[in-house]
């Protein structure tokens, strides 16, 4: 697995809360110690308020880093995320991070990075895209959703869309879109896939990457209480060449894994 960073638990000031859809917000926090060491694929665990309810922190992918600021994409789906989405500018929250590992992007054996995401799975892609572009890689974003309202291409470039109902872009899944466009993309040189989104999408992407012998990193989502391997709430099964199927903690050995390890 990939190495991890030094973890800090700091109080961060919210400098901006920006709604980008009916239930998704971008929250910007001043967090120099995490911003200075974060890498694409890392996440943070946030205590969304100062009371004991909700008790557990909430995990969020790092969406972007700008100087001392980090941005995270928050979808309001429960009590904790609703509280966080309504945070006032100038308020503070406790932030633990940067947590987990990160996407493997330093390899010189690919020319084009295809970022495949579905729904809120676009959350880590802006930070990843910017880092890849700085390395001179060509980046293509393939973004999927059930309808056009589920597409979240926030500040991403070179986007191609797929919707189940055909309301925007290709009609079908984002992996079907990848299957259609791959022959033309491959003409430009070697590629690598990066994915984040719902588990069914990631399983389809992992299967596709193995069938086509294409390197692929995927970022998995899971319920996380502590973010540091104490609560065992984020255990998942992976395939390993030597040990067969074994259980790992995503907060420690993920959330990014080689797609070949995913149990499909």
Protein backbone atom coordinates (compact mmCIF):
# COMPACT_ATOMS: atom_id res chain seq x y z
CA UNK A 1 0.00 0.00 0.00
CA UNK A 2 1.00 3.63 -0.36
CA UNK A 3 2.64 5.60 2.38
CA UNK A 4 0.70 8.03 4.57
CA UNK A 5 1.35 11.51 5.95
CA UNK A 6 1.86 12.82 9.48
CA UNK A 7 -1.58 13.30 11.02
CA UNK A 8 -2.62 16.39 12.99
CA UNK A 9 -5.83 17.30 14.83
CA UNK A 10 -6.39 21.03 14.50
CA UNK A 11 -9.08 23.65 14.86
CA UNK A 12 -9.88 25.10 11.44
CA UNK A 13 -11.82 28.24 10.59
CA UNK A 14 -14.52 28.02 7.95
CA UNK A 15 -13.93 30.86 5.51
CA UNK A 16 -16.61 30.07 2.93
CA UNK A 17 -19.64 27.82 2.45
CA UNK A 18 -20.88 27.63 -1.11
CA UNK A 19 -23.91 25.64 -2.30
CA UNK A 20 -23.36 24.02 -5.72
CA UNK A 21 -26.57 21.97 -5.92
CA UNK A 22 -29.71 21.37 -3.91
CA UNK A 23 -27.87 19.16 -1.39
CA UNK A 24 -24.15 19.60 -2.07
CA UNK A 25 -21.86 22.34 -0.75
CA UNK A 26 -18.19 23.25 -1.03
CA UNK A 27 -16.79 24.22 2.38
CA UNK A 28 -13.47 26.06 2.49
CA UNK A 29 -11.42 25.95 5.70
CA UNK A 30 -8.22 27.67 6.72
CA UNK A 31 -6.08 24.72 7.74
CA UNK A 32 -2.37 25.39 7.01
CA UNK A 33 -0.90 22.29 8.67
CA UNK A 34 -3.10 19.93 6.64
CA UNK A 35 -2.98 21.94 3.41
CA UNK A 36 0.83 21.86 3.40
CA UNK A 37 1.08 18.06 3.44
CA UNK A 38 -2.15 16.82 1.80
CA UNK A 39 -1.97 14.75 -1.36
CA UNK A 40 -4.72 13.77 -3.83
CA UNK A 41 -6.78 10.94 -2.37
CA UNK A 42 -6.26 11.91 1.28
CA UNK A 43 -9.28 12.64 3.43
CA UNK A 44 -10.06 14.44 6.68
CA UNK A 45 -12.30 13.52 9.62
CA UNK A 46 -14.34 16.48 10.84
CA UNK A 47 -16.16 17.00 14.14
CA UNK A 48 -19.07 18.93 12.71
CA UNK A 49 -20.02 20.81 15.91
CA UNK A 50 -19.01 21.34 19.52
CA UNK A 51 -21.69 19.16 21.13
CA UNK A 52 -21.79 15.40 21.64
CA UNK A 53 -24.47 14.98 18.97
CA UNK A 54 -23.52 13.67 16.54
CA UNK A 55 -20.79 11.91 18.50
CA UNK A 56 -18.68 10.57 15.64
CA UNK A 57 -16.68 12.63 13.19
CA UNK A 58 -17.50 12.56 9.49
CA UNK A 59 -14.95 11.66 6.76
CA UNK A 60 -14.58 13.84 3.65
CA UNK A 61 -12.23 13.64 0.68
CA UNK A 62 -9.99 16.66 0.22
CA UNK A 63 -11.52 18.34 -2.82
CA UNK A 64 -8.92 21.04 -3.36
CA UNK A 65 -5.96 22.79 -1.76
CA UNK A 66 -5.19 26.49 -2.27
CA UNK A 67 -2.34 27.85 -0.18
CA UNK A 68 -3.36 27.43 3.46
CA UNK A 69 -6.94 26.54 2.53
CA UNK A 70 -8.52 23.15 1.98
CA UNK A 71 -11.88 22.59 0.33
CA UNK A 72 -14.19 19.65 0.89
CA UNK A 73 -17.36 18.68 -0.95
CA UNK A 74 -20.23 17.89 1.42
CA UNK A 75 -23.46 16.13 0.46
CA UNK A 76 -26.23 16.61 3.01
CA UNK A 77 -27.57 13.10 3.60
CA UNK A 78 -27.98 12.92 7.38
CA UNK A 79 -27.81 14.80 10.65
CA UNK A 80 -24.03 15.30 10.69
CA UNK A 81 -23.61 16.40 7.08
CA UNK A 82 -26.67 18.67 7.35
CA UNK A 83 -25.16 20.43 10.37
CA UNK A 84 -21.84 20.82 8.59
CA UNK A 85 -23.45 22.11 5.37
CA UNK A 86 -25.12 24.86 7.40
CA UNK A 87 -21.89 25.98 9.11
CA UNK A 88 -21.47 29.73 9.36
CA UNK A 89 -18.45 31.47 7.91
CA UNK A 90 -16.08 32.34 10.75
CA UNK A 91 -17.05 29.34 12.85
CA UNK A 92 -14.52 26.63 13.68
CA UNK A 93 -14.43 22.84 13.57
CA UNK A 94 -11.91 20.23 14.63
CA UNK A 95 -10.25 18.56 11.65
CA UNK A 96 -8.13 15.41 11.77
CA UNK A 97 -5.86 14.76 8.79
CA UNK A 98 -4.53 14.29 6.28
CA UNK A 99 -5.74 10.71 6.61
CA UNK A 100 -5.34 7.61 4.48
CA UNK A 101 -3.13 7.06 1.49
CA UNK A 102 -3.24 8.75 -1.91
CA UNK A 103 -3.42 8.15 -5.65
CA UNK A 104 -0.24 6.83 -7.27
CA UNK A 105 0.53 9.55 -9.82
CA UNK A 106 4.32 9.81 -9.98
CA UNK A 107 4.72 7.02 -12.53
CA UNK A 108 6.15 8.00 -15.92
CA UNK A 109 4.51 5.12 -17.79
CA UNK A 110 1.22 6.85 -18.60
CA UNK A 111 0.48 9.88 -20.74
CA UNK A 112 -3.25 10.37 -20.15
CA UNK A 113 -5.15 10.13 -16.88
CA UNK A 114 -8.84 9.25 -17.16
CA UNK A 115 -10.71 10.30 -14.01
CA UNK A 116 -13.92 8.28 -13.71
CA UNK A 117 -16.41 9.48 -11.11
CA UNK A 118 -20.05 9.12 -10.19
CA UNK A 119 -22.18 11.47 -8.07
CA UNK A 120 -20.32 12.76 -5.02
CA UNK A 121 -17.36 10.67 -6.23
CA UNK A 122 -16.11 13.77 -8.02
CA UNK A 123 -15.07 15.08 -4.57
CA UNK A 124 -11.34 14.16 -4.80
CA UNK A 125 -11.00 14.76 -8.53
CA UNK A 126 -10.20 18.50 -8.64
CA UNK A 127 -7.16 18.12 -6.37
CA UNK A 128 -6.10 15.08 -8.41
CA UNK A 129 -6.60 16.83 -11.75
CA UNK A 130 -4.59 19.89 -10.73
CA UNK A 131 -1.71 17.76 -9.48
CA UNK A 132 -1.66 15.60 -12.62
CA UNK A 133 -1.80 18.66 -14.88
CA UNK A 134 1.15 20.17 -13.02
CA UNK A 135 3.10 17.03 -13.93
CA UNK A 136 2.29 17.50 -17.60
CA UNK A 137 -0.30 14.73 -17.83
CA UNK A 138 -3.33 14.99 -20.10
CA UNK A 139 -6.48 14.69 -17.97
CA UNK A 140 -9.94 13.60 -19.11
CA UNK A 141 -12.90 13.56 -16.71
CA UNK A 142 -15.68 11.04 -17.27
CA UNK A 143 -18.56 11.88 -14.93
CA UNK A 144 -21.70 9.83 -14.41
CA UNK A 145 -25.03 10.14 -12.65
CA UNK A 146 -28.57 8.84 -12.73
CA UNK A 147 -29.80 12.17 -14.18
CA UNK A 148 -28.25 15.50 -15.11
CA UNK A 149 -29.01 16.71 -11.59
CA UNK A 150 -26.56 14.16 -10.15
CA UNK A 151 -23.60 15.45 -12.18
CA UNK A 152 -21.07 17.46 -10.15
CA UNK A 153 -18.35 18.70 -12.52
CA UNK A 154 -17.33 21.48 -10.11
CA UNK A 155 -14.34 23.32 -11.70
CA UNK A 156 -13.21 20.18 -13.53
CA UNK A 157 -11.98 20.47 -17.13
CA UNK A 158 -12.24 18.31 -20.26
CA UNK A 159 -15.44 16.67 -19.00
CA UNK A 160 -17.56 14.04 -20.70
CA UNK A 161 -20.89 13.06 -19.16
CA UNK A 162 -23.01 9.93 -18.88
CA UNK A 163 -26.50 9.72 -17.39
CA UNK A 164 -28.69 6.68 -16.92
CA UNK A 165 -31.68 8.48 -18.41
CA UNK A 166 -29.78 10.29 -21.17
CA UNK A 167 -30.67 13.75 -19.82
CA UNK A 168 -27.06 14.89 -20.30
CA UNK A 169 -24.40 13.38 -22.53
CA UNK A 170 -24.08 9.67 -23.20
CA UNK A 171 -27.07 7.53 -22.23
CA UNK A 172 -25.77 4.76 -20.00
CA UNK A 173 -23.23 4.29 -17.23
CA UNK A 174 -19.95 6.12 -17.00
CA UNK A 175 -18.12 2.81 -17.52
CA UNK A 176 -20.11 2.32 -20.75
CA UNK A 177 -18.93 5.79 -21.78
CA UNK A 178 -15.36 4.78 -21.02
CA UNK A 179 -15.79 1.65 -23.12
CA UNK A 180 -17.02 3.75 -26.04
CA UNK A 181 -14.30 6.42 -25.85
CA UNK A 182 -11.28 4.33 -24.86
CA UNK A 183 -10.15 3.39 -28.41
CA UNK A 184 -9.77 7.04 -29.41
CA UNK A 185 -8.15 8.06 -26.12
CA UNK A 186 -5.59 5.25 -26.35
CA UNK A 187 -4.32 6.67 -29.67
CA UNK A 188 -2.75 9.54 -27.69
CA UNK A 189 -0.53 7.24 -25.61
CA UNK A 190 -0.56 5.05 -22.49
CA UNK A 191 -3.32 5.72 -19.99
CA UNK A 192 -4.13 5.17 -16.34
CA UNK A 193 -7.58 5.12 -14.76
CA UNK A 194 -8.59 6.76 -11.48
CA UNK A 195 -12.03 6.17 -10.00
CA UNK A 196 -14.28 7.29 -7.17
CA UNK A 197 -18.00 6.78 -6.75
CA UNK A 198 -20.65 4.24 -5.76
CA UNK A 199 -19.42 0.71 -5.11
CA UNK A 200 -21.27 -0.84 -8.10
CA UNK A 201 -19.59 1.68 -10.40
CA UNK A 202 -16.18 0.97 -8.90
CA UNK A 203 -16.62 -2.77 -9.26
CA UNK A 204 -17.57 -2.30 -12.92
CA UNK A 205 -14.56 -0.03 -13.43
CA UNK A 206 -12.22 -2.50 -11.72
CA UNK A 207 -13.50 -5.34 -13.89
CA UNK A 208 -13.11 -3.18 -17.01
CA UNK A 209 -9.54 -2.20 -16.11
CA UNK A 210 -8.54 -5.82 -15.54
CA UNK A 211 -10.15 -6.98 -18.78
CA UNK A 212 -8.20 -4.31 -20.69
CA UNK A 213 -4.97 -4.61 -18.65
CA UNK A 214 -5.06 -0.92 -17.70
CA UNK A 215 -3.62 0.34 -14.41
CA UNK A 216 -6.38 1.71 -12.19
CA UNK A 217 -6.54 3.30 -8.73
CA UNK A 218 -9.92 3.51 -7.03
CA UNK A 219 -10.96 5.43 -3.94
CA UNK A 220 -13.48 3.56 -1.79
CA UNK A 221 -16.04 5.07 0.55
CA UNK A 222 -16.97 3.63 3.93
CA UNK A 223 -18.42 4.61 7.29
CA UNK A 224 -15.54 5.84 9.45
CA UNK A 225 -15.75 6.75 13.10
CA UNK A 226 -12.17 7.43 14.13
CA UNK A 227 -10.22 7.58 10.87
CA UNK A 228 -7.09 6.08 12.45
CA UNK A 229 -7.81 2.36 12.76
CA UNK A 230 -9.26 2.12 16.27
CA UNK A 231 -13.00 1.62 15.71
CA UNK A 232 -12.78 -0.94 12.88
CA UNK A 233 -15.84 0.60 11.26
CA UNK A 234 -14.28 0.80 7.80
CA UNK A 235 -13.22 -2.81 7.25
CA UNK A 236 -13.46 -4.13 3.68
CA UNK A 237 -12.32 -7.29 1.97
CA UNK A 238 -9.66 -7.20 -0.74
CA UNK A 239 -7.93 -9.80 -2.90
CA UNK A 240 -4.19 -10.27 -2.42
CA UNK A 241 -1.82 -12.40 -4.52
CA UNK A 242 -0.28 -14.14 -1.50
CA UNK A 243 -3.04 -14.32 1.11
CA UNK A 244 -6.20 -14.48 -0.98
CA UNK A 245 -9.14 -12.51 0.39
CA UNK A 246 -8.29 -10.58 3.55
CA UNK A 247 -9.80 -7.75 5.55
CA UNK A 248 -8.22 -4.28 5.66
CA UNK A 249 -9.17 -0.98 7.26
CA UNK A 250 -9.77 1.67 4.63
CA UNK A 251 -8.66 4.48 6.92
CA UNK A 252 -5.20 2.88 7.21
CA UNK A 253 -4.66 0.92 3.99
CA UNK A 254 -6.97 3.01 1.82
CA UNK A 255 -9.11 4.71 0.81
CA UNK A 256 -7.13 4.31 -2.43
CA UNK A 257 -6.45 0.77 -3.57
CA UNK A 258 -5.23 -0.87 -6.76
CA UNK A 259 -8.36 -1.93 -8.66
CA UNK A 260 -6.93 -5.43 -9.04
CA UNK A 261 -7.41 -5.91 -5.26
CA UNK A 262 -11.12 -5.13 -5.27
CA UNK A 263 -13.40 -8.10 -4.67
CA UNK A 264 -15.75 -8.00 -7.66
